[in-house]
Amino acid sequence: RAAEWQLDQPAWSGRLRITAKGSTAFIKLEDKSSGELFAQAPVEQFPGIAVEGVTDSSRYFVLRIEDGNGRRAFIGIGFVDRGDAFDFNVALQDHFKWVRQQSELARQAQELEQGPKLDLGFKEGQTIKLNIANVKKKEGAAGSTRPRPAGPGGLSLLPPPPGGRSGSGERPAPLPGTPITDALLSWPQPSAAPAADVWGDFAKASG
């Protein structure tokens, strides 16, 4: 109980800092002016025996200080401002929350290493089939379509229109510099109608 301490006559007053090295937090009591270390309390677990709150106040705590040579002592500390005591608690809680997260991540990584590993490599003789749509071959590439035959002067000629004549009954004008020969342009001629008498069968009928 903090009420049993001589609160009006503290044995020492100064500043308190919390540092961390690895998973261990260190509560350091230092001189306000020079920063000289007065006492230090290593904390490996919180809540724990290294730092405990009193039963009758939220501003007072009991620290287990160590001198590095194996000697330990329990002292009582208190904060004038209640907000400083709250920050002291939160700083310790945040540190050990981070320690638990790091421990959990390390455990998960170890389980992944020890677990069965997926073999995504190809087995001997195994093949896969890829369907690639909308792939256009470049001109001149292997397997491309056969080019159209070009006429004189490097111009390609289209086949004649059906019926051999244009809609106006006139032949289209030849391309400039291209002679009109039977080898280039072929206009089909209309075949002669048969001269048979369509009434021949009726002429043989009687009556």
N, C-alpha and C. Protein backbone atom coordinates (compact mmCIF):
# COMPACT_ATOMS: atom_id res chain seq x y z
N ARG A 1 0.84 -1.20 0.00
CA ARG A 1 0.00 0.00 0.00
C ARG A 1 0.88 1.24 0.00
N ALA A 2 0.59 2.18 -0.94
CA ALA A 2 1.38 3.40 -1.03
C ALA A 2 1.15 4.32 0.16
N ALA A 3 0.01 4.15 0.85
CA ALA A 3 -0.28 5.01 2.02
C ALA A 3 0.69 4.76 3.15
N GLU A 4 1.37 3.63 3.16
CA GLU A 4 2.31 3.31 4.22
C GLU A 4 3.70 3.89 3.95
N TRP A 5 3.90 4.47 2.76
CA TRP A 5 5.20 5.05 2.43
C TRP A 5 5.26 6.50 2.92
N GLN A 6 6.44 7.01 3.06
CA GLN A 6 6.62 8.42 3.44
C GLN A 6 6.59 9.25 2.16
N LEU A 7 5.37 9.53 1.68
CA LEU A 7 5.21 10.20 0.39
C LEU A 7 5.63 11.66 0.44
N ASP A 8 5.58 12.27 1.61
CA ASP A 8 5.95 13.68 1.70
C ASP A 8 7.46 13.88 1.74
N GLN A 9 8.22 12.81 1.98
CA GLN A 9 9.68 12.90 2.03
C GLN A 9 10.30 11.78 1.19
N PRO A 10 10.26 11.91 -0.16
CA PRO A 10 10.84 10.85 -1.00
C PRO A 10 12.36 10.79 -0.84
N ALA A 11 12.91 9.57 -0.90
CA ALA A 11 14.35 9.39 -0.75
C ALA A 11 15.10 9.89 -1.98
N TRP A 12 14.43 9.93 -3.10
CA TRP A 12 15.08 10.38 -4.35
C TRP A 12 14.00 10.83 -5.31
N SER A 13 14.29 11.82 -6.15
CA SER A 13 13.38 12.25 -7.22
C SER A 13 14.21 12.49 -8.48
N GLY A 14 13.63 12.17 -9.59
CA GLY A 14 14.34 12.33 -10.87
C GLY A 14 13.41 11.99 -12.01
N ARG A 15 13.97 11.55 -13.10
CA ARG A 15 13.17 11.22 -14.28
C ARG A 15 13.23 9.72 -14.53
N LEU A 16 12.22 9.23 -15.22
CA LEU A 16 12.13 7.80 -15.54
C LEU A 16 12.08 7.63 -17.05
N ARG A 17 12.89 6.71 -17.57
CA ARG A 17 12.89 6.38 -19.00
C ARG A 17 12.71 4.88 -19.16
N ILE A 18 12.05 4.49 -20.24
CA ILE A 18 11.91 3.06 -20.58
C ILE A 18 12.62 2.83 -21.91
N THR A 19 13.58 1.93 -21.90
CA THR A 19 14.28 1.53 -23.13
C THR A 19 14.07 0.03 -23.33
N ALA A 20 14.48 -0.47 -24.48
CA ALA A 20 14.32 -1.90 -24.77
C ALA A 20 15.53 -2.40 -25.53
N LYS A 21 15.91 -3.63 -25.23
CA LYS A 21 16.96 -4.34 -25.96
C LYS A 21 16.47 -5.75 -26.18
N GLY A 22 16.13 -6.04 -27.45
CA GLY A 22 15.52 -7.33 -27.74
C GLY A 22 14.14 -7.39 -27.13
N SER A 23 13.87 -8.45 -26.39
CA SER A 23 12.55 -8.61 -25.77
C SER A 23 12.49 -8.05 -24.36
N THR A 24 13.62 -7.56 -23.83
CA THR A 24 13.67 -7.07 -22.45
C THR A 24 13.53 -5.55 -22.42
N ALA A 25 12.66 -5.05 -21.56
CA ALA A 25 12.51 -3.62 -21.33
C ALA A 25 13.30 -3.24 -20.08
N PHE A 26 13.83 -2.03 -20.09
CA PHE A 26 14.62 -1.54 -18.96
C PHE A 26 14.00 -0.25 -18.45
N ILE A 27 13.60 -0.23 -17.20
CA ILE A 27 13.11 0.97 -16.54
C ILE A 27 14.30 1.64 -15.88
N LYS A 28 14.64 2.84 -16.33
CA LYS A 28 15.83 3.53 -15.84
C LYS A 28 15.42 4.78 -15.06
N LEU A 29 15.96 4.90 -13.87
CA LEU A 29 15.76 6.09 -13.05
C LEU A 29 17.04 6.92 -13.15
N GLU A 30 16.91 8.15 -13.66
CA GLU A 30 18.08 8.97 -13.96
C GLU A 30 17.97 10.33 -13.28
N ASP A 31 19.12 10.96 -13.09
CA ASP A 31 19.15 12.31 -12.54
C ASP A 31 18.56 13.29 -13.55
N LYS A 32 17.77 14.24 -13.08
CA LYS A 32 17.10 15.18 -13.98
C LYS A 32 18.10 16.02 -14.77
N SER A 33 19.16 16.44 -14.13
CA SER A 33 20.09 17.38 -14.77
C SER A 33 21.18 16.67 -15.56
N SER A 34 21.89 15.75 -14.91
CA SER A 34 23.05 15.13 -15.54
C SER A 34 22.71 13.88 -16.34
N GLY A 35 21.55 13.26 -16.10
CA GLY A 35 21.20 12.02 -16.78
C GLY A 35 21.90 10.81 -16.19
N GLU A 36 22.59 10.97 -15.06
CA GLU A 36 23.31 9.86 -14.43
C GLU A 36 22.32 8.81 -13.94
N LEU A 37 22.66 7.55 -14.18
CA LEU A 37 21.77 6.45 -13.82
C LEU A 37 21.77 6.25 -12.30
N PHE A 38 20.59 6.26 -11.72
CA PHE A 38 20.43 6.02 -10.29
C PHE A 38 20.13 4.55 -10.01
N ALA A 39 19.18 3.97 -10.77
CA ALA A 39 18.82 2.57 -10.61
C ALA A 39 18.18 2.09 -11.91
N GLN A 40 18.21 0.76 -12.06
CA GLN A 40 17.65 0.18 -13.30
C GLN A 40 16.92 -1.10 -12.96
N ALA A 41 15.75 -1.29 -13.64
CA ALA A 41 14.95 -2.49 -13.40
C ALA A 41 14.70 -3.19 -14.74
N PRO A 42 15.37 -4.32 -15.01
CA PRO A 42 15.08 -5.07 -16.23
C PRO A 42 13.72 -5.76 -16.09
N VAL A 43 12.91 -5.67 -17.16
CA VAL A 43 11.57 -6.26 -17.15
C VAL A 43 11.48 -7.24 -18.31
N GLU A 44 11.33 -8.51 -17.98
CA GLU A 44 11.22 -9.54 -19.02
C GLU A 44 9.78 -9.99 -19.22
N GLN A 45 8.89 -9.58 -18.33
CA GLN A 45 7.48 -9.95 -18.46
C GLN A 45 6.64 -8.89 -17.75
N PHE A 46 5.51 -8.55 -18.40
CA PHE A 46 4.62 -7.56 -17.79
C PHE A 46 3.18 -7.97 -18.05
N PRO A 47 2.32 -8.02 -17.01
CA PRO A 47 2.63 -7.84 -15.59
C PRO A 47 3.54 -8.96 -15.08
N GLY A 48 4.36 -8.62 -14.08
CA GLY A 48 5.28 -9.58 -13.52
C GLY A 48 5.87 -9.05 -12.24
N ILE A 49 6.83 -9.80 -11.69
CA ILE A 49 7.40 -9.43 -10.40
C ILE A 49 8.34 -8.23 -10.51
N ALA A 50 8.83 -7.93 -11.73
CA ALA A 50 9.78 -6.83 -11.88
C ALA A 50 9.13 -5.47 -11.67
N VAL A 51 7.83 -5.36 -11.98
CA VAL A 51 7.11 -4.10 -11.79
C VAL A 51 5.67 -4.45 -11.45
N GLU A 52 5.18 -3.95 -10.31
CA GLU A 52 3.84 -4.24 -9.85
C GLU A 52 3.18 -2.96 -9.35
N GLY A 53 1.88 -2.85 -9.58
CA GLY A 53 1.12 -1.72 -9.07
C GLY A 53 0.69 -1.96 -7.64
N VAL A 54 0.49 -0.88 -6.88
CA VAL A 54 0.02 -1.00 -5.50
C VAL A 54 -1.49 -1.17 -5.52
N THR A 55 -2.04 -1.50 -4.36
CA THR A 55 -3.47 -1.79 -4.27
C THR A 55 -4.32 -0.55 -4.03
N ASP A 56 -3.71 0.55 -3.57
CA ASP A 56 -4.52 1.70 -3.18
C ASP A 56 -4.31 2.93 -4.06
N SER A 57 -3.58 2.81 -5.20
CA SER A 57 -3.37 3.97 -6.07
C SER A 57 -2.94 3.49 -7.45
N SER A 58 -3.30 4.29 -8.46
CA SER A 58 -2.86 3.99 -9.83
C SER A 58 -1.60 4.74 -10.20
N ARG A 59 -1.04 5.55 -9.27
CA ARG A 59 0.15 6.35 -9.58
C ARG A 59 1.42 5.78 -8.97
N TYR A 60 1.31 4.67 -8.21
CA TYR A 60 2.47 4.16 -7.49
C TYR A 60 2.72 2.69 -7.86
N PHE A 61 4.02 2.35 -7.90
CA PHE A 61 4.43 1.00 -8.32
C PHE A 61 5.60 0.54 -7.46
N VAL A 62 5.82 -0.78 -7.49
CA VAL A 62 6.98 -1.38 -6.85
C VAL A 62 7.88 -1.93 -7.94
N LEU A 63 9.17 -1.52 -7.91
CA LEU A 63 10.14 -1.96 -8.91
C LEU A 63 11.16 -2.89 -8.25
N ARG A 64 11.60 -3.88 -9.00
CA ARG A 64 12.71 -4.73 -8.57
C ARG A 64 13.96 -4.27 -9.32
N ILE A 65 14.83 -3.54 -8.66
CA ILE A 65 16.01 -2.99 -9.32
C ILE A 65 17.17 -3.97 -9.17
N GLU A 66 18.09 -3.92 -10.13
CA GLU A 66 19.27 -4.79 -10.13
C GLU A 66 20.50 -3.94 -10.44
N ASP A 67 21.63 -4.35 -9.88
CA ASP A 67 22.86 -3.59 -10.12
C ASP A 67 23.78 -4.25 -11.15
N GLY A 68 23.38 -5.37 -11.75
CA GLY A 68 24.21 -6.05 -12.73
C GLY A 68 25.15 -7.05 -12.13
N ASN A 69 25.29 -7.11 -10.82
CA ASN A 69 26.18 -8.06 -10.14
C ASN A 69 25.39 -9.11 -9.37
N GLY A 70 24.11 -9.23 -9.68
CA GLY A 70 23.29 -10.24 -9.01
C GLY A 70 22.54 -9.72 -7.81
N ARG A 71 22.80 -8.48 -7.38
CA ARG A 71 22.10 -7.93 -6.21
C ARG A 71 20.80 -7.26 -6.66
N ARG A 72 19.75 -7.47 -5.90
CA ARG A 72 18.42 -6.94 -6.23
C ARG A 72 17.83 -6.27 -5.00
N ALA A 73 16.92 -5.32 -5.29
CA ALA A 73 16.20 -4.66 -4.19
C ALA A 73 14.85 -4.18 -4.72
N PHE A 74 13.87 -4.12 -3.81
CA PHE A 74 12.53 -3.64 -4.18
C PHE A 74 12.36 -2.23 -3.64
N ILE A 75 11.97 -1.32 -4.51
CA ILE A 75 11.73 0.07 -4.11
C ILE A 75 10.37 0.50 -4.62
N GLY A 76 9.81 1.51 -4.00
CA GLY A 76 8.53 2.06 -4.43
C GLY A 76 8.74 3.36 -5.17
N ILE A 77 8.03 3.55 -6.29
CA ILE A 77 8.09 4.80 -7.06
C ILE A 77 6.67 5.32 -7.23
N GLY A 78 6.56 6.63 -7.44
CA GLY A 78 5.26 7.24 -7.67
C GLY A 78 5.38 8.42 -8.61
N PHE A 79 4.30 8.70 -9.33
CA PHE A 79 4.24 9.82 -10.28
C PHE A 79 3.36 10.92 -9.69
N VAL A 80 3.81 12.17 -9.83
CA VAL A 80 2.99 13.29 -9.38
C VAL A 80 1.74 13.41 -10.24
N ASP A 81 1.89 13.24 -11.56
CA ASP A 81 0.78 13.37 -12.50
C ASP A 81 0.22 11.98 -12.83
N ARG A 82 -1.09 11.85 -12.76
CA ARG A 82 -1.73 10.58 -13.08
C ARG A 82 -1.53 10.21 -14.56
N GLY A 83 -1.45 11.21 -15.46
CA GLY A 83 -1.23 10.94 -16.88
C GLY A 83 0.12 10.31 -17.14
N ASP A 84 1.15 10.70 -16.35
CA ASP A 84 2.47 10.08 -16.50
C ASP A 84 2.43 8.61 -16.09
N ALA A 85 1.66 8.29 -15.06
CA ALA A 85 1.53 6.89 -14.64
C ALA A 85 0.81 6.07 -15.72
N PHE A 86 -0.17 6.70 -16.37
CA PHE A 86 -0.87 6.02 -17.46
C PHE A 86 0.09 5.75 -18.62
N ASP A 87 0.90 6.74 -19.00
CA ASP A 87 1.87 6.55 -20.09
C ASP A 87 2.90 5.47 -19.74
N PHE A 88 3.29 5.38 -18.49
CA PHE A 88 4.23 4.36 -18.04
C PHE A 88 3.66 2.96 -18.27
N ASN A 89 2.39 2.78 -17.91
CA ASN A 89 1.73 1.50 -18.13
C ASN A 89 1.62 1.16 -19.62
N VAL A 90 1.20 2.15 -20.41
CA VAL A 90 0.99 1.92 -21.84
C VAL A 90 2.30 1.57 -22.54
N ALA A 91 3.41 2.23 -22.16
CA ALA A 91 4.70 1.96 -22.78
C ALA A 91 5.12 0.51 -22.55
N LEU A 92 4.93 0.01 -21.34
CA LEU A 92 5.27 -1.38 -21.06
C LEU A 92 4.34 -2.34 -21.80
N GLN A 93 3.05 -2.04 -21.84
CA GLN A 93 2.11 -2.91 -22.55
C GLN A 93 2.42 -2.96 -24.04
N ASP A 94 2.74 -1.83 -24.66
CA ASP A 94 3.05 -1.81 -26.09
C ASP A 94 4.30 -2.63 -26.41
N HIS A 95 5.31 -2.53 -25.54
CA HIS A 95 6.54 -3.28 -25.79
C HIS A 95 6.28 -4.78 -25.77
N PHE A 96 5.57 -5.27 -24.77
CA PHE A 96 5.36 -6.72 -24.66
C PHE A 96 4.30 -7.22 -25.65
N LYS A 97 3.45 -6.33 -26.13
CA LYS A 97 2.56 -6.70 -27.23
C LYS A 97 3.38 -6.95 -28.49
N TRP A 98 4.37 -6.09 -28.73
CA TRP A 98 5.26 -6.28 -29.87
C TRP A 98 6.06 -7.58 -29.72
N VAL A 99 6.51 -7.89 -28.50
CA VAL A 99 7.26 -9.13 -28.26
C VAL A 99 6.40 -10.35 -28.59
N ARG A 100 5.13 -10.34 -28.19
CA ARG A 100 4.25 -11.47 -28.49
C ARG A 100 4.01 -11.61 -29.99
N GLN A 101 3.86 -10.48 -30.69
CA GLN A 101 3.66 -10.55 -32.13
C GLN A 101 4.88 -11.13 -32.84
N GLN A 102 6.08 -10.72 -32.42
CA GLN A 102 7.30 -11.26 -33.02
C GLN A 102 7.44 -12.75 -32.74
N SER A 103 7.06 -13.17 -31.56
CA SER A 103 7.13 -14.59 -31.22
C SER A 103 6.15 -15.40 -32.06
N GLU A 104 4.95 -14.85 -32.29
CA GLU A 104 3.95 -15.55 -33.10
C GLU A 104 4.40 -15.66 -34.55
N LEU A 105 4.99 -14.58 -35.09
CA LEU A 105 5.49 -14.62 -36.47
C LEU A 105 6.61 -15.64 -36.63
N ALA A 106 7.50 -15.71 -35.62
CA ALA A 106 8.58 -16.68 -35.68
C ALA A 106 8.05 -18.11 -35.61
N ARG A 107 7.02 -18.34 -34.80
CA ARG A 107 6.43 -19.68 -34.71
C ARG A 107 5.78 -20.09 -36.02
N GLN A 108 5.06 -19.18 -36.66
CA GLN A 108 4.42 -19.49 -37.93
C GLN A 108 5.45 -19.77 -39.02
N ALA A 109 6.53 -19.00 -39.02
CA ALA A 109 7.58 -19.24 -40.02
C ALA A 109 8.22 -20.60 -39.81
N GLN A 110 8.41 -21.01 -38.56
CA GLN A 110 8.99 -22.32 -38.28
C GLN A 110 8.05 -23.44 -38.71
N GLU A 111 6.75 -23.26 -38.51
CA GLU A 111 5.79 -24.28 -38.94
C GLU A 111 5.76 -24.42 -40.45
N LEU A 112 5.90 -23.30 -41.16
CA LEU A 112 5.94 -23.38 -42.62
C LEU A 112 7.17 -24.11 -43.11
N GLU A 113 8.30 -23.90 -42.45
CA GLU A 113 9.53 -24.59 -42.86
C GLU A 113 9.46 -26.08 -42.58
N GLN A 114 8.83 -26.46 -41.48
CA GLN A 114 8.77 -27.87 -41.13
C GLN A 114 7.63 -28.61 -41.84
N GLY A 115 6.65 -27.88 -42.34
CA GLY A 115 5.52 -28.51 -43.00
C GLY A 115 5.88 -29.02 -44.38
N PRO A 116 4.98 -29.82 -44.98
CA PRO A 116 5.24 -30.33 -46.34
C PRO A 116 5.28 -29.19 -47.35
N LYS A 117 6.24 -29.27 -48.23
CA LYS A 117 6.42 -28.24 -49.24
C LYS A 117 5.77 -28.68 -50.55
N LEU A 118 5.14 -27.77 -51.22
CA LEU A 118 4.51 -28.05 -52.50
C LEU A 118 5.56 -28.12 -53.59
N ASP A 119 5.48 -29.17 -54.40
CA ASP A 119 6.39 -29.32 -55.54
C ASP A 119 5.65 -28.85 -56.78
N LEU A 120 5.98 -27.64 -57.24
CA LEU A 120 5.32 -27.06 -58.40
C LEU A 120 6.11 -27.27 -59.68
N GLY A 121 7.16 -28.06 -59.64
CA GLY A 121 7.97 -28.29 -60.84
C GLY A 121 7.31 -29.31 -61.76
N PHE A 122 7.74 -29.32 -63.03
CA PHE A 122 7.21 -30.27 -64.01
C PHE A 122 7.81 -31.65 -63.77
N LYS A 123 6.96 -32.67 -63.82
CA LYS A 123 7.45 -34.04 -63.77
C LYS A 123 8.02 -34.41 -65.14
N GLU A 124 8.76 -35.49 -65.16
CA GLU A 124 9.37 -35.93 -66.41
C GLU A 124 8.30 -36.34 -67.41
N GLY A 125 8.35 -35.73 -68.59
CA GLY A 125 7.36 -36.02 -69.63
C GLY A 125 6.07 -35.26 -69.51
N GLN A 126 5.93 -34.44 -68.48
CA GLN A 126 4.69 -33.68 -68.28
C GLN A 126 4.70 -32.43 -69.16
N THR A 127 3.58 -32.15 -69.80
CA THR A 127 3.46 -30.98 -70.66
C THR A 127 2.21 -30.22 -70.28
N ILE A 128 2.15 -28.96 -70.72
CA ILE A 128 0.97 -28.14 -70.52
C ILE A 128 0.55 -27.56 -71.85
N LYS A 129 -0.70 -27.18 -71.98
CA LYS A 129 -1.24 -26.62 -73.21
C LYS A 129 -1.73 -25.22 -72.92
N LEU A 130 -1.28 -24.25 -73.73
CA LEU A 130 -1.67 -22.86 -73.58
C LEU A 130 -2.56 -22.46 -74.74
N ASN A 131 -3.70 -21.88 -74.45
CA ASN A 131 -4.59 -21.34 -75.48
C ASN A 131 -4.43 -19.82 -75.49
N ILE A 132 -3.80 -19.32 -76.55
CA ILE A 132 -3.55 -17.89 -76.68
C ILE A 132 -4.43 -17.38 -77.81
N ALA A 133 -5.39 -16.52 -77.49
CA ALA A 133 -6.33 -16.00 -78.48
C ALA A 133 -5.84 -14.67 -79.03
N ASN A 134 -6.38 -14.34 -80.25
CA ASN A 134 -6.12 -13.03 -80.87
C ASN A 134 -4.64 -12.78 -81.11
N VAL A 135 -3.94 -13.80 -81.58
CA VAL A 135 -2.54 -13.63 -81.92
C VAL A 135 -2.44 -13.52 -83.44
N LYS A 136 -1.95 -12.40 -83.94
CA LYS A 136 -1.81 -12.16 -85.36
C LYS A 136 -0.36 -12.35 -85.76
N LYS A 137 -0.14 -13.12 -86.84
CA LYS A 137 1.21 -13.34 -87.32
C LYS A 137 1.69 -12.14 -88.11
N LYS A 138 2.96 -11.84 -87.97
CA LYS A 138 3.54 -10.73 -88.71
C LYS A 138 3.73 -11.10 -90.17
N GLU A 139 3.72 -10.09 -91.01
CA GLU A 139 3.93 -10.32 -92.42
C GLU A 139 5.35 -10.82 -92.64
N GLY A 140 5.47 -11.83 -93.52
CA GLY A 140 6.77 -12.39 -93.82
C GLY A 140 7.20 -13.44 -92.84
N ALA A 141 6.44 -13.67 -91.74
CA ALA A 141 6.81 -14.67 -90.76
C ALA A 141 6.49 -16.05 -91.30
N ALA A 142 7.12 -17.05 -90.71
CA ALA A 142 6.89 -18.41 -91.17
C ALA A 142 5.45 -18.79 -90.91
N GLY A 143 4.84 -19.48 -91.86
CA GLY A 143 3.47 -19.91 -91.73
C GLY A 143 2.46 -18.85 -92.09
N SER A 144 2.88 -17.70 -92.64
CA SER A 144 1.93 -16.66 -93.00
C SER A 144 1.20 -17.06 -94.27
N THR A 145 0.10 -16.39 -94.54
CA THR A 145 -0.71 -16.71 -95.72
C THR A 145 0.05 -16.36 -96.99
N ARG A 146 -0.34 -17.05 -98.08
CA ARG A 146 0.33 -16.86 -99.36
C ARG A 146 -0.03 -15.50 -99.95
N PRO A 147 0.93 -14.71 -100.44
CA PRO A 147 0.62 -13.41 -101.01
C PRO A 147 -0.12 -13.55 -102.33
N ARG A 148 -0.93 -12.53 -102.63
CA ARG A 148 -1.66 -12.54 -103.90
C ARG A 148 -0.71 -12.31 -105.06
N PRO A 149 -0.99 -12.92 -106.22
CA PRO A 149 -0.14 -12.67 -107.40
C PRO A 149 -0.30 -11.23 -107.86
N ALA A 150 0.81 -10.60 -108.13
CA ALA A 150 0.81 -9.20 -108.56
C ALA A 150 0.87 -9.12 -110.07
N GLY A 151 0.18 -8.13 -110.61
CA GLY A 151 0.21 -7.89 -112.05
C GLY A 151 1.40 -7.04 -112.43
N PRO A 152 1.49 -6.63 -113.67
CA PRO A 152 2.60 -5.78 -114.12
C PRO A 152 2.66 -4.50 -113.30
N GLY A 153 3.87 -4.09 -112.99
CA GLY A 153 4.07 -2.88 -112.21
C GLY A 153 3.84 -3.08 -110.73
N GLY A 154 3.70 -4.35 -110.27
CA GLY A 154 3.54 -4.64 -108.85
C GLY A 154 2.13 -4.43 -108.35
N LEU A 155 1.13 -4.26 -109.24
CA LEU A 155 -0.25 -4.05 -108.81
C LEU A 155 -1.01 -5.35 -108.85
N SER A 156 -1.82 -5.57 -107.84
CA SER A 156 -2.62 -6.79 -107.79
C SER A 156 -3.96 -6.53 -108.47
N LEU A 157 -4.42 -7.51 -109.21
CA LEU A 157 -5.68 -7.40 -109.94
C LEU A 157 -6.73 -8.27 -109.29
N LEU A 158 -7.93 -7.72 -109.18
CA LEU A 158 -9.03 -8.48 -108.61
C LEU A 158 -9.73 -9.25 -109.71
N PRO A 159 -10.42 -10.33 -109.39
CA PRO A 159 -11.17 -11.06 -110.43
C PRO A 159 -12.30 -10.20 -110.96
N PRO A 160 -12.76 -10.49 -112.20
CA PRO A 160 -13.82 -9.68 -112.82
C PRO A 160 -15.12 -9.80 -112.04
N PRO A 161 -15.95 -8.78 -112.11
CA PRO A 161 -17.23 -8.83 -111.39
C PRO A 161 -18.17 -9.83 -112.04
N PRO A 162 -19.15 -10.32 -111.30
CA PRO A 162 -20.12 -11.28 -111.88
C PRO A 162 -20.85 -10.65 -113.08
N GLY A 163 -21.05 -11.47 -114.12
CA GLY A 163 -21.75 -11.00 -115.32
C GLY A 163 -20.83 -10.34 -116.31
N GLY A 164 -19.62 -10.04 -115.89
CA GLY A 164 -18.65 -9.50 -116.84
C GLY A 164 -18.80 -8.03 -117.11
N ARG A 165 -19.79 -7.32 -116.54
CA ARG A 165 -19.98 -5.90 -116.82
C ARG A 165 -20.35 -5.18 -115.54
N SER A 166 -20.09 -3.92 -115.53
CA SER A 166 -20.47 -3.10 -114.38
C SER A 166 -21.94 -2.80 -114.43
N GLY A 167 -22.45 -2.18 -113.40
CA GLY A 167 -23.89 -1.90 -113.34
C GLY A 167 -24.33 -0.94 -114.42
N SER A 168 -23.47 -0.10 -114.95
CA SER A 168 -23.85 0.87 -115.99
C SER A 168 -23.68 0.32 -117.39
N GLY A 169 -23.18 -0.92 -117.53
CA GLY A 169 -22.98 -1.51 -118.86
C GLY A 169 -21.68 -1.10 -119.49
N GLU A 170 -20.79 -0.40 -118.75
CA GLU A 170 -19.52 0.03 -119.31
C GLU A 170 -18.39 -0.71 -118.64
N ARG A 171 -17.28 -0.90 -119.41
CA ARG A 171 -16.09 -1.51 -118.84
C ARG A 171 -15.38 -0.51 -117.95
N PRO A 172 -14.79 -0.97 -116.89
CA PRO A 172 -14.01 -0.04 -116.05
C PRO A 172 -12.75 0.38 -116.79
N ALA A 173 -12.29 1.60 -116.51
CA ALA A 173 -11.09 2.12 -117.15
C ALA A 173 -9.88 1.33 -116.69
N PRO A 174 -8.93 1.08 -117.58
CA PRO A 174 -7.73 0.32 -117.19
C PRO A 174 -6.85 1.15 -116.25
N LEU A 175 -6.02 0.44 -115.50
CA LEU A 175 -5.08 1.12 -114.62
C LEU A 175 -4.04 1.86 -115.44
N PRO A 176 -3.56 3.00 -115.00
CA PRO A 176 -2.58 3.77 -115.79
C PRO A 176 -1.32 2.96 -116.02
N GLY A 177 -0.85 2.93 -117.26
CA GLY A 177 0.38 2.24 -117.60
C GLY A 177 0.26 0.75 -117.70
N THR A 178 -0.98 0.22 -117.60
CA THR A 178 -1.18 -1.23 -117.67
C THR A 178 -1.93 -1.57 -118.95
N PRO A 179 -1.28 -2.29 -119.87
CA PRO A 179 -1.98 -2.65 -121.13
C PRO A 179 -3.09 -3.64 -120.86
N ILE A 180 -4.14 -3.50 -121.63
CA ILE A 180 -5.27 -4.42 -121.50
C ILE A 180 -5.02 -5.60 -122.43
N THR A 181 -4.77 -6.74 -121.88
CA THR A 181 -4.55 -7.95 -122.66
C THR A 181 -5.44 -9.04 -122.12
N ASP A 182 -5.56 -10.10 -122.89
CA ASP A 182 -6.39 -11.22 -122.45
C ASP A 182 -5.81 -11.91 -121.24
N ALA A 183 -4.50 -11.76 -121.02
CA ALA A 183 -3.88 -12.42 -119.88
C ALA A 183 -4.21 -11.71 -118.57
N LEU A 184 -4.54 -10.39 -118.69
CA LEU A 184 -4.79 -9.63 -117.46
C LEU A 184 -6.27 -9.53 -117.16
N LEU A 185 -7.05 -9.21 -118.15
CA LEU A 185 -8.48 -9.03 -117.95
C LEU A 185 -9.23 -9.99 -118.83
N SER A 186 -10.18 -10.69 -118.33
CA SER A 186 -10.98 -11.64 -119.10
C SER A 186 -12.43 -11.33 -118.85
N TRP A 187 -13.11 -10.97 -119.97
CA TRP A 187 -14.52 -10.62 -119.86
C TRP A 187 -15.34 -11.74 -120.47
N PRO A 188 -16.14 -12.44 -119.74
CA PRO A 188 -16.91 -13.58 -120.30
C PRO A 188 -17.96 -13.06 -121.29
N GLN A 189 -18.07 -13.77 -122.41
CA GLN A 189 -19.03 -13.42 -123.46
C GLN A 189 -20.32 -14.19 -123.22
N PRO A 190 -21.48 -13.56 -123.52
CA PRO A 190 -22.77 -14.26 -123.33
C PRO A 190 -22.91 -15.40 -124.33
N SER A 191 -23.31 -16.52 -123.85
CA SER A 191 -23.49 -17.69 -124.73
C SER A 191 -24.76 -17.53 -125.54
N ALA A 192 -24.73 -18.06 -126.80
CA ALA A 192 -25.89 -17.95 -127.71
C ALA A 192 -27.02 -18.83 -127.24
N ALA A 193 -28.25 -18.33 -127.32
CA ALA A 193 -29.42 -19.10 -126.88
C ALA A 193 -29.67 -20.25 -127.84
N PRO A 194 -30.08 -21.41 -127.42
CA PRO A 194 -30.39 -22.53 -128.35
C PRO A 194 -31.54 -22.16 -129.29
N ALA A 195 -31.42 -22.61 -130.54
CA ALA A 195 -32.41 -22.29 -131.58
C ALA A 195 -33.54 -23.29 -131.66
N ALA A 196 -33.68 -24.10 -130.64
CA ALA A 196 -34.75 -25.12 -130.68
C ALA A 196 -36.12 -24.47 -130.62
N ASP A 197 -37.09 -25.10 -131.23
CA ASP A 197 -38.47 -24.60 -131.26
C ASP A 197 -39.16 -25.09 -130.01
N VAL A 198 -39.54 -24.13 -129.15
CA VAL A 198 -40.17 -24.51 -127.89
C VAL A 198 -41.54 -25.11 -128.10
N TRP A 199 -42.15 -24.97 -129.30
CA TRP A 199 -43.48 -25.52 -129.58
C TRP A 199 -43.41 -26.82 -130.37
N GLY A 200 -42.21 -27.39 -130.47
CA GLY A 200 -42.08 -28.60 -131.29
C GLY A 200 -42.87 -29.75 -130.75
N ASP A 201 -42.92 -29.92 -129.46
CA ASP A 201 -43.66 -31.06 -128.88
C ASP A 201 -45.15 -30.93 -129.14
N PHE A 202 -45.66 -29.69 -129.12
CA PHE A 202 -47.10 -29.51 -129.34
C PHE A 202 -47.49 -29.72 -130.79
N ALA A 203 -46.52 -29.54 -131.74
CA ALA A 203 -46.87 -29.71 -133.16
C ALA A 203 -47.13 -31.16 -133.49
N LYS A 204 -46.59 -32.08 -132.71
CA LYS A 204 -46.79 -33.49 -132.97
C LYS A 204 -48.07 -34.01 -132.36
N ALA A 205 -48.66 -33.26 -131.49
CA ALA A 205 -49.86 -33.76 -130.82
C ALA A 205 -51.03 -33.77 -131.78
N SER A 206 -51.91 -34.73 -131.66
CA SER A 206 -53.05 -34.82 -132.54
C SER A 206 -54.13 -33.83 -132.12
N GLY A 207 -54.91 -33.39 -133.16
CA GLY A 207 -56.01 -32.46 -132.90
C GLY A 207 -55.50 -31.06 -132.64
